[in-house]
Amino acid sequence: QMNSLKPEDTAVYYCVADGSPYICRGPPGRYN
């Protein structure tokens, strides 16, 4: 859910998934 959208939010958005137990313990960009 994206609210108060700005022009700089323009992008291709990708859904990602991973079964590793450590993933999403921090910002998503930190992980592969």
Full PDB file with SEQRES, HELIX, SHEET, SSBOND, CRYST1, ORIGX, SCALE, CONECT and MASTER records, all heavy atoms in Angstrom:
SEQRES   1 A   32  GLN MET ASN SER LEU LYS PRO GLU ASP THR ALA VAL TYR          
SEQRES   2 A   32  TYR CYS VAL ALA ASP GLY SER PRO TYR ILE CYS ARG GLY          
SEQRES   3 A   32  PRO PRO GLY ARG TYR ASN                                      
HELIX    1 AA1 PRO A    7  ASP A    9  5                                   3    
HELIX    2 AA2 PRO A   28  ARG A   30  5                                   3    
CRYST1    1.000    1.000    1.000  90.00  90.00  90.00 P 1           1          
ORIGX1      1.000000  0.000000  0.000000        0.00000                         
ORIGX2      0.000000  1.000000  0.000000        0.00000                         
ORIGX3      0.000000  0.000000  1.000000        0.00000                         
SCALE1      1.000000  0.000000  0.000000        0.00000                         
SCALE2      0.000000  1.000000  0.000000        0.00000                         
SCALE3      0.000000  0.000000  1.000000        0.00000                         
ATOM      1  N   GLN A   1       0.861  -1.183   0.000  1.00  0.00           N  
ATOM      2  CA  GLN A   1       0.000   0.000   0.000  1.00  0.00           C  
ATOM      3  C   GLN A   1       0.899   1.236   0.000  1.00  0.00           C  
ATOM      4  O   GLN A   1       1.730   1.398   0.904  1.00  0.00           O  
ATOM      5  CB  GLN A   1      -0.907   0.009   1.236  1.00  0.00           C  
ATOM      6  CG  GLN A   1      -1.759   1.251   1.375  1.00  0.00           C  
ATOM      7  CD  GLN A   1      -2.831   1.352   0.310  1.00  0.00           C  
ATOM      8  OE1 GLN A   1      -3.451   0.361  -0.058  1.00  0.00           O  
ATOM      9  NE2 GLN A   1      -3.055   2.562  -0.193  1.00  0.00           N  
ATOM     10  N   MET A   2       0.726   2.078  -0.996  1.00  0.00           N  
ATOM     11  CA  MET A   2       1.559   3.279  -1.133  1.00  0.00           C  
ATOM     12  C   MET A   2       0.671   4.508  -1.043  1.00  0.00           C  
ATOM     13  O   MET A   2      -0.246   4.677  -1.853  1.00  0.00           O  
ATOM     14  CB  MET A   2       2.298   3.252  -2.469  1.00  0.00           C  
ATOM     15  CG  MET A   2       3.197   2.036  -2.629  1.00  0.00           C  
ATOM     16  SD  MET A   2       4.157   2.042  -4.158  1.00  0.00           S  
ATOM     17  CE  MET A   2       2.882   1.584  -5.330  1.00  0.00           C  
ATOM     18  N   ASN A   3       0.930   5.354  -0.060  1.00  0.00           N  
ATOM     19  CA  ASN A   3       0.167   6.580   0.141  1.00  0.00           C  
ATOM     20  C   ASN A   3       1.050   7.801  -0.126  1.00  0.00           C  
ATOM     21  O   ASN A   3       2.280   7.705  -0.134  1.00  0.00           O  
ATOM     22  CB  ASN A   3      -0.361   6.631   1.578  1.00  0.00           C  
ATOM     23  CG  ASN A   3      -1.304   5.490   1.894  1.00  0.00           C  
ATOM     24  OD1 ASN A   3      -2.064   5.034   1.043  1.00  0.00           O  
ATOM     25  ND2 ASN A   3      -1.254   5.002   3.131  1.00  0.00           N  
ATOM     26  N   SER A   4       0.395   8.922  -0.321  1.00  0.00           N  
ATOM     27  CA  SER A   4       1.097  10.198  -0.523  1.00  0.00           C  
ATOM     28  C   SER A   4       2.209  10.058  -1.550  1.00  0.00           C  
ATOM     29  O   SER A   4       3.360  10.444  -1.303  1.00  0.00           O  
ATOM     30  CB  SER A   4       1.663  10.691   0.815  1.00  0.00           C  
ATOM     31  OG  SER A   4       0.649  10.818   1.775  1.00  0.00           O  
ATOM     32  N   LEU A   5       1.865   9.519  -2.681  1.00  0.00           N  
ATOM     33  CA  LEU A   5       2.876   9.235  -3.691  1.00  0.00           C  
ATOM     34  C   LEU A   5       3.483  10.506  -4.267  1.00  0.00           C  
ATOM     35  O   LEU A   5       2.817  11.546  -4.392  1.00  0.00           O  
ATOM     36  CB  LEU A   5       2.273   8.380  -4.799  1.00  0.00           C  
ATOM     37  CG  LEU A   5       2.145   6.897  -4.416  1.00  0.00           C  
ATOM     38  CD1 LEU A   5       1.156   6.193  -5.317  1.00  0.00           C  
ATOM     39  CD2 LEU A   5       3.504   6.231  -4.461  1.00  0.00           C  
ATOM     40  N   LYS A   6       4.758  10.396  -4.617  1.00  0.00           N  
ATOM     41  CA  LYS A   6       5.523  11.511  -5.168  1.00  0.00           C  
ATOM     42  C   LYS A   6       6.062  11.106  -6.535  1.00  0.00           C  
ATOM     43  O   LYS A   6       6.235   9.919  -6.811  1.00  0.00           O  
ATOM     44  CB  LYS A   6       6.694  11.840  -4.242  1.00  0.00           C  
ATOM     45  CG  LYS A   6       6.321  12.081  -2.798  1.00  0.00           C  
ATOM     46  CD  LYS A   6       7.561  12.221  -1.934  1.00  0.00           C  
ATOM     47  CE  LYS A   6       7.203  12.390  -0.470  1.00  0.00           C  
ATOM     48  NZ  LYS A   6       8.410  12.515   0.385  1.00  0.00           N  
ATOM     49  N   PRO A   7       6.374  12.079  -7.370  1.00  0.00           N  
ATOM     50  CA  PRO A   7       6.959  11.728  -8.679  1.00  0.00           C  
ATOM     51  C   PRO A   7       8.226  10.878  -8.549  1.00  0.00           C  
ATOM     52  O   PRO A   7       8.472  10.011  -9.406  1.00  0.00           O  
ATOM     53  CB  PRO A   7       7.263  13.090  -9.292  1.00  0.00           C  
ATOM     54  CG  PRO A   7       6.235  14.000  -8.694  1.00  0.00           C  
ATOM     55  CD  PRO A   7       6.064  13.512  -7.276  1.00  0.00           C  
ATOM     56  N   GLU A   8       8.982  11.087  -7.481  1.00  0.00           N  
ATOM     57  CA  GLU A   8      10.214  10.298  -7.309  1.00  0.00           C  
ATOM     58  C   GLU A   8       9.942   8.851  -6.915  1.00  0.00           C  
ATOM     59  O   GLU A   8      10.878   8.048  -6.831  1.00  0.00           O  
ATOM     60  CB  GLU A   8      11.137  10.950  -6.283  1.00  0.00           C  
ATOM     61  CG  GLU A   8      10.475  11.293  -4.967  1.00  0.00           C  
ATOM     62  CD  GLU A   8      10.017  12.755  -4.915  1.00  0.00           C  
ATOM     63  OE1 GLU A   8       9.475  13.251  -5.936  1.00  0.00           O  
ATOM     64  OE2 GLU A   8      10.192  13.370  -3.839  1.00  0.00           O  
ATOM     65  N   ASP A   9       8.688   8.491  -6.673  1.00  0.00           N  
ATOM     66  CA  ASP A   9       8.328   7.094  -6.445  1.00  0.00           C  
ATOM     67  C   ASP A   9       8.145   6.336  -7.759  1.00  0.00           C  
ATOM     68  O   ASP A   9       7.932   5.117  -7.750  1.00  0.00           O  
ATOM     69  CB  ASP A   9       7.040   6.994  -5.629  1.00  0.00           C  
ATOM     70  CG  ASP A   9       7.205   7.515  -4.213  1.00  0.00           C  
ATOM     71  OD1 ASP A   9       8.223   7.201  -3.566  1.00  0.00           O  
ATOM     72  OD2 ASP A   9       6.287   8.227  -3.747  1.00  0.00           O  
ATOM     73  N   THR A  10       8.212   7.045  -8.865  1.00  0.00           N  
ATOM     74  CA  THR A  10       8.098   6.404 -10.171  1.00  0.00           C  
ATOM     75  C   THR A  10       9.231   5.408 -10.366  1.00  0.00           C  
ATOM     76  O   THR A  10      10.402   5.761 -10.233  1.00  0.00           O  
ATOM     77  CB  THR A  10       8.125   7.457 -11.286  1.00  0.00           C  
ATOM     78  OG1 THR A  10       6.971   8.288 -11.173  1.00  0.00           O  
ATOM     79  CG2 THR A  10       8.151   6.794 -12.657  1.00  0.00           C  
ATOM     80  N   ALA A  11       8.870   4.170 -10.681  1.00  0.00           N  
ATOM     81  CA  ALA A  11       9.869   3.114 -10.814  1.00  0.00           C  
ATOM     82  C   ALA A  11       9.184   1.827 -11.252  1.00  0.00           C  
ATOM     83  O   ALA A  11       7.949   1.731 -11.242  1.00  0.00           O  
ATOM     84  CB  ALA A  11      10.596   2.876  -9.489  1.00  0.00           C  
ATOM     85  N   VAL A  12       9.990   0.836 -11.590  1.00  0.00           N  
ATOM     86  CA  VAL A  12       9.497  -0.528 -11.730  1.00  0.00           C  
ATOM     87  C   VAL A  12       9.596  -1.170 -10.352  1.00  0.00           C  
ATOM     88  O   VAL A  12      10.656  -1.151  -9.732  1.00  0.00           O  
ATOM     89  CB  VAL A  12      10.304  -1.333 -12.759  1.00  0.00           C  
ATOM     90  CG1 VAL A  12       9.802  -2.768 -12.817  1.00  0.00           C  
ATOM     91  CG2 VAL A  12      10.216  -0.672 -14.141  1.00  0.00           C  
ATOM     92  N   TYR A  13       8.496  -1.731  -9.899  1.00  0.00           N  
ATOM     93  CA  TYR A  13       8.437  -2.342  -8.573  1.00  0.00           C  
ATOM     94  C   TYR A  13       8.474  -3.858  -8.706  1.00  0.00           C  
ATOM     95  O   TYR A  13       7.715  -4.444  -9.488  1.00  0.00           O  
ATOM     96  CB  TYR A  13       7.172  -1.898  -7.850  1.00  0.00           C  
ATOM     97  CG  TYR A  13       7.286  -0.497  -7.300  1.00  0.00           C  
ATOM     98  CD1 TYR A  13       7.229   0.614  -8.152  1.00  0.00           C  
ATOM     99  CD2 TYR A  13       7.473  -0.268  -5.943  1.00  0.00           C  
ATOM    100  CE1 TYR A  13       7.354   1.900  -7.649  1.00  0.00           C  
ATOM    101  CE2 TYR A  13       7.597   1.021  -5.432  1.00  0.00           C  
ATOM    102  CZ  TYR A  13       7.538   2.099  -6.300  1.00  0.00           C  
ATOM    103  OH  TYR A  13       7.668   3.374  -5.802  1.00  0.00           O  
ATOM    104  N   TYR A  14       9.352  -4.481  -7.902  1.00  0.00           N  
ATOM    105  CA  TYR A  14       9.555  -5.920  -7.947  1.00  0.00           C  
ATOM    106  C   TYR A  14       9.182  -6.549  -6.606  1.00  0.00           C  
ATOM    107  O   TYR A  14       9.595  -6.059  -5.548  1.00  0.00           O  
ATOM    108  CB  TYR A  14      11.014  -6.256  -8.238  1.00  0.00           C  
ATOM    109  CG  TYR A  14      11.527  -5.751  -9.559  1.00  0.00           C  
ATOM    110  CD1 TYR A  14      12.115  -4.497  -9.659  1.00  0.00           C  
ATOM    111  CD2 TYR A  14      11.434  -6.537 -10.698  1.00  0.00           C  
ATOM    112  CE1 TYR A  14      12.591  -4.033 -10.870  1.00  0.00           C  
ATOM    113  CE2 TYR A  14      11.919  -6.080 -11.916  1.00  0.00           C  
ATOM    114  CZ  TYR A  14      12.493  -4.827 -11.997  1.00  0.00           C  
ATOM    115  OH  TYR A  14      12.967  -4.374 -13.201  1.00  0.00           O  
ATOM    116  N   CYS A  15       8.470  -7.633  -6.670  1.00  0.00           N  
ATOM    117  CA  CYS A  15       8.201  -8.457  -5.496  1.00  0.00           C  
ATOM    118  C   CYS A  15       9.325  -9.483  -5.367  1.00  0.00           C  
ATOM    119  O   CYS A  15       9.774 -10.046  -6.376  1.00  0.00           O  
ATOM    120  CB  CYS A  15       6.853  -9.152  -5.673  1.00  0.00           C  
ATOM    121  SG  CYS A  15       6.363 -10.200  -4.299  1.00  0.00           S  
ATOM    122  N   VAL A  16       9.781  -9.718  -4.135  1.00  0.00           N  
ATOM    123  CA  VAL A  16      10.867 -10.665  -3.900  1.00  0.00           C  
ATOM    124  C   VAL A  16      10.500 -11.584  -2.740  1.00  0.00           C  
ATOM    125  O   VAL A  16       9.688 -11.220  -1.884  1.00  0.00           O  
ATOM    126  CB  VAL A  16      12.201  -9.943  -3.604  1.00  0.00           C  
ATOM    127  CG1 VAL A  16      12.652  -9.119  -4.784  1.00  0.00           C  
ATOM    128  CG2 VAL A  16      12.075  -9.063  -2.360  1.00  0.00           C  
ATOM    129  N   ALA A  17      11.123 -12.755  -2.723  1.00  0.00           N  
ATOM    130  CA  ALA A  17      10.865 -13.722  -1.658  1.00  0.00           C  
ATOM    131  C   ALA A  17      12.145 -14.484  -1.331  1.00  0.00           C  
ATOM    132  O   ALA A  17      13.011 -14.662  -2.184  1.00  0.00           O  
ATOM    133  CB  ALA A  17       9.770 -14.700  -2.072  1.00  0.00           C  
ATOM    134  N   ASP A  18      12.226 -14.909  -0.085  1.00  0.00           N  
ATOM    135  CA  ASP A  18      13.380 -15.713   0.339  1.00  0.00           C  
ATOM    136  C   ASP A  18      13.013 -16.472   1.599  1.00  0.00           C  
ATOM    137  O   ASP A  18      12.351 -15.924   2.487  1.00  0.00           O  
ATOM    138  CB  ASP A  18      14.590 -14.809   0.587  1.00  0.00           C  
ATOM    139  CG  ASP A  18      15.898 -15.574   0.607  1.00  0.00           C  
ATOM    140  OD1 ASP A  18      16.083 -16.402   1.510  1.00  0.00           O  
ATOM    141  OD2 ASP A  18      16.728 -15.334  -0.284  1.00  0.00           O  
ATOM    142  N   GLY A  19      13.464 -17.710   1.680  1.00  0.00           N  
ATOM    143  CA  GLY A  19      13.150 -18.551   2.829  1.00  0.00           C  
ATOM    144  C   GLY A  19      14.210 -18.551   3.904  1.00  0.00           C  
ATOM    145  O   GLY A  19      14.092 -19.286   4.894  1.00  0.00           O  
ATOM    146  N   SER A  20      15.232 -17.733   3.765  1.00  0.00           N  
ATOM    147  CA  SER A  20      16.292 -17.712   4.773  1.00  0.00           C  
ATOM    148  C   SER A  20      15.776 -17.130   6.080  1.00  0.00           C  
ATOM    149  O   SER A  20      15.038 -16.140   6.073  1.00  0.00           O  
ATOM    150  CB  SER A  20      17.463 -16.872   4.272  1.00  0.00           C  
ATOM    151  OG  SER A  20      17.998 -17.426   3.097  1.00  0.00           O  
ATOM    152  N   PRO A  21      16.178 -17.711   7.200  1.00  0.00           N  
ATOM    153  CA  PRO A  21      15.643 -17.245   8.487  1.00  0.00           C  
ATOM    154  C   PRO A  21      16.131 -15.867   8.900  1.00  0.00           C  
ATOM    155  O   PRO A  21      15.485 -15.197   9.706  1.00  0.00           O  
ATOM    156  CB  PRO A  21      16.130 -18.318   9.464  1.00  0.00           C  
ATOM    157  CG  PRO A  21      17.331 -18.919   8.814  1.00  0.00           C  
ATOM    158  CD  PRO A  21      17.057 -18.866   7.338  1.00  0.00           C  
ATOM    159  N   TYR A  22      17.268 -15.409   8.358  1.00  0.00           N  
ATOM    160  CA  TYR A  22      17.832 -14.130   8.789  1.00  0.00           C  
ATOM    161  C   TYR A  22      17.305 -12.947   7.982  1.00  0.00           C  
ATOM    162  O   TYR A  22      17.497 -11.797   8.345  1.00  0.00           O  
ATOM    163  CB  TYR A  22      19.358 -14.162   8.653  1.00  0.00           C  
ATOM    164  CG  TYR A  22      19.840 -14.302   7.228  1.00  0.00           C  
ATOM    165  CD1 TYR A  22      20.023 -13.185   6.426  1.00  0.00           C  
ATOM    166  CD2 TYR A  22      20.095 -15.557   6.690  1.00  0.00           C  
ATOM    167  CE1 TYR A  22      20.448 -13.306   5.118  1.00  0.00           C  
ATOM    168  CE2 TYR A  22      20.517 -15.686   5.382  1.00  0.00           C  
ATOM    169  CZ  TYR A  22      20.696 -14.560   4.597  1.00  0.00           C  
ATOM    170  OH  TYR A  22      21.119 -14.680   3.306  1.00  0.00           O  
ATOM    171  N   ILE A  23      16.629 -13.245   6.883  1.00  0.00           N  
ATOM    172  CA  ILE A  23      16.279 -12.161   5.958  1.00  0.00           C  
ATOM    173  C   ILE A  23      15.183 -11.293   6.549  1.00  0.00           C  
ATOM    174  O   ILE A  23      14.349 -11.755   7.329  1.00  0.00           O  
ATOM    175  CB  ILE A  23      15.891 -12.742   4.584  1.00  0.00           C  
ATOM    176  CG1 ILE A  23      16.269 -11.768   3.467  1.00  0.00           C  
ATOM    177  CG2 ILE A  23      14.421 -13.118   4.518  1.00  0.00           C  
ATOM    178  CD1 ILE A  23      16.490 -12.421   2.154  1.00  0.00           C  
ATOM    179  N   CYS A  24      15.201 -10.019   6.188  1.00  0.00           N  
ATOM    180  CA  CYS A  24      14.244  -9.012   6.673  1.00  0.00           C  
ATOM    181  C   CYS A  24      14.441  -8.714   8.158  1.00  0.00           C  
ATOM    182  O   CYS A  24      13.544  -8.219   8.811  1.00  0.00           O  
ATOM    183  CB  CYS A  24      12.801  -9.416   6.397  1.00  0.00           C  
ATOM    184  SG  CYS A  24      11.639  -8.015   6.523  1.00  0.00           S  
ATOM    185  N   ARG A  25      15.615  -8.988   8.674  1.00  0.00           N  
ATOM    186  CA  ARG A  25      15.913  -8.528  10.029  1.00  0.00           C  
ATOM    187  C   ARG A  25      16.401  -7.089  10.009  1.00  0.00           C  
ATOM    188  O   ARG A  25      16.579  -6.456  11.049  1.00  0.00           O  
ATOM    189  CB  ARG A  25      16.949  -9.437  10.689  1.00  0.00           C  
ATOM    190  CG  ARG A  25      16.397 -10.806  11.024  1.00  0.00           C  
ATOM    191  CD  ARG A  25      17.399 -11.654  11.773  1.00  0.00           C  
ATOM    192  NE  ARG A  25      16.827 -12.968  12.100  1.00  0.00           N  
ATOM    193  CZ  ARG A  25      17.489 -13.932  12.698  1.00  0.00           C  
ATOM    194  NH1 ARG A  25      18.747 -13.754  13.075  1.00  0.00           N  
ATOM    195  NH2 ARG A  25      16.899 -15.085  12.942  1.00  0.00           N  
ATOM    196  N   GLY A  26      16.660  -6.598   8.797  1.00  0.00           N  
ATOM    197  CA  GLY A  26      17.051  -5.214   8.593  1.00  0.00           C  
ATOM    198  C   GLY A  26      16.449  -4.721   7.300  1.00  0.00           C  
ATOM    199  O   GLY A  26      15.589  -5.396   6.715  1.00  0.00           O  
ATOM    200  N   PRO A  27      16.853  -3.563   6.817  1.00  0.00           N  
ATOM    201  CA  PRO A  27      16.333  -3.042   5.551  1.00  0.00           C  
ATOM    202  C   PRO A  27      16.518  -4.056   4.427  1.00  0.00           C  
ATOM    203  O   PRO A  27      17.563  -4.710   4.345  1.00  0.00           O  
ATOM    204  CB  PRO A  27      17.179  -1.793   5.318  1.00  0.00           C  
ATOM    205  CG  PRO A  27      17.609  -1.376   6.684  1.00  0.00           C  
ATOM    206  CD  PRO A  27      17.808  -2.639   7.452  1.00  0.00           C  
ATOM    207  N   PRO A  28      15.530  -4.221   3.547  1.00  0.00           N  
ATOM    208  CA  PRO A  28      15.573  -5.281   2.540  1.00  0.00           C  
ATOM    209  C   PRO A  28      16.756  -5.199   1.589  1.00  0.00           C  
ATOM    210  O   PRO A  28      17.221  -6.225   1.078  1.00  0.00           O  
ATOM    211  CB  PRO A  28      14.241  -5.132   1.796  1.00  0.00           C  
ATOM    212  CG  PRO A  28      13.775  -3.751   2.103  1.00  0.00           C  
ATOM    213  CD  PRO A  28      14.294  -3.441   3.461  1.00  0.00           C  
ATOM    214  N   GLY A  29      17.250  -3.991   1.330  1.00  0.00           N  
ATOM    215  CA  GLY A  29      18.374  -3.851   0.417  1.00  0.00           C  
ATOM    216  C   GLY A  29      19.676  -4.430   0.925  1.00  0.00           C  
ATOM    217  O   GLY A  29      20.642  -4.559   0.169  1.00  0.00           O  
ATOM    218  N   ARG A  30      19.675  -4.805   2.183  1.00  0.00           N  
ATOM    219  CA  ARG A  30      20.880  -5.355   2.790  1.00  0.00           C  
ATOM    220  C   ARG A  30      21.107  -6.807   2.363  1.00  0.00           C  
ATOM    221  O   ARG A  30      22.213  -7.341   2.514  1.00  0.00           O  
ATOM    222  CB  ARG A  30      20.733  -5.279   4.307  1.00  0.00           C  
ATOM    223  CG  ARG A  30      21.937  -5.743   5.115  1.00  0.00           C  
ATOM    224  CD  ARG A  30      21.649  -5.607   6.601  1.00  0.00           C  
ATOM    225  NE  ARG A  30      21.424  -4.222   7.004  1.00  0.00           N  
ATOM    226  CZ  ARG A  30      21.116  -3.843   8.237  1.00  0.00           C  
ATOM    227  NH1 ARG A  30      20.961  -4.757   9.182  1.00  0.00           N  
ATOM    228  NH2 ARG A  30      20.940  -2.582   8.538  1.00  0.00           N  
ATOM    229  N   TYR A  31      20.071  -7.462   1.850  1.00  0.00           N  
ATOM    230  CA  TYR A  31      20.138  -8.905   1.595  1.00  0.00           C  
ATOM    231  C   TYR A  31      20.034  -9.229   0.108  1.00  0.00           C  
ATOM    232  O   TYR A  31      19.527  -8.439  -0.683  1.00  0.00           O  
ATOM    233  CB  TYR A  31      18.982  -9.603   2.325  1.00  0.00           C  
ATOM    234  CG  TYR A  31      18.912  -9.249   3.786  1.00  0.00           C  
ATOM    235  CD1 TYR A  31      18.024  -8.286   4.247  1.00  0.00           C  
ATOM    236  CD2 TYR A  31      19.730  -9.879   4.717  1.00  0.00           C  
ATOM    237  CE1 TYR A  31      17.954  -7.954   5.585  1.00  0.00           C  
ATOM    238  CE2 TYR A  31      19.664  -9.559   6.065  1.00  0.00           C  
ATOM    239  CZ  TYR A  31      18.782  -8.586   6.496  1.00  0.00           C  
ATOM    240  OH  TYR A  31      18.718  -8.265   7.826  1.00  0.00           O  
ATOM    241  N   ASN A  32      20.504 -10.409  -0.251  1.00  0.00           N  
ATOM    242  CA  ASN A  32      20.340 -10.954  -1.602  1.00  0.00           C  
ATOM    243  C   ASN A  32      19.134 -11.880  -1.588  1.00  0.00           C  
ATOM    244  O   ASN A  32      19.194 -12.981  -1.062  1.00  0.00           O  
ATOM    245  CB  ASN A  32      21.586 -11.726  -2.027  1.00  0.00           C  
ATOM    246  CG  ASN A  32      22.780 -10.834  -2.201  1.00  0.00           C  
ATOM    247  OD1 ASN A  32      22.669  -9.737  -2.745  1.00  0.00           O  
ATOM    248  ND2 ASN A  32      23.933 -11.282  -1.745  1.00  0.00           N  
TER     249      ASN A  32                                                      
MASTER        0    0    0    2    0    0    0    6  248    1    0    3          
END                                                                             
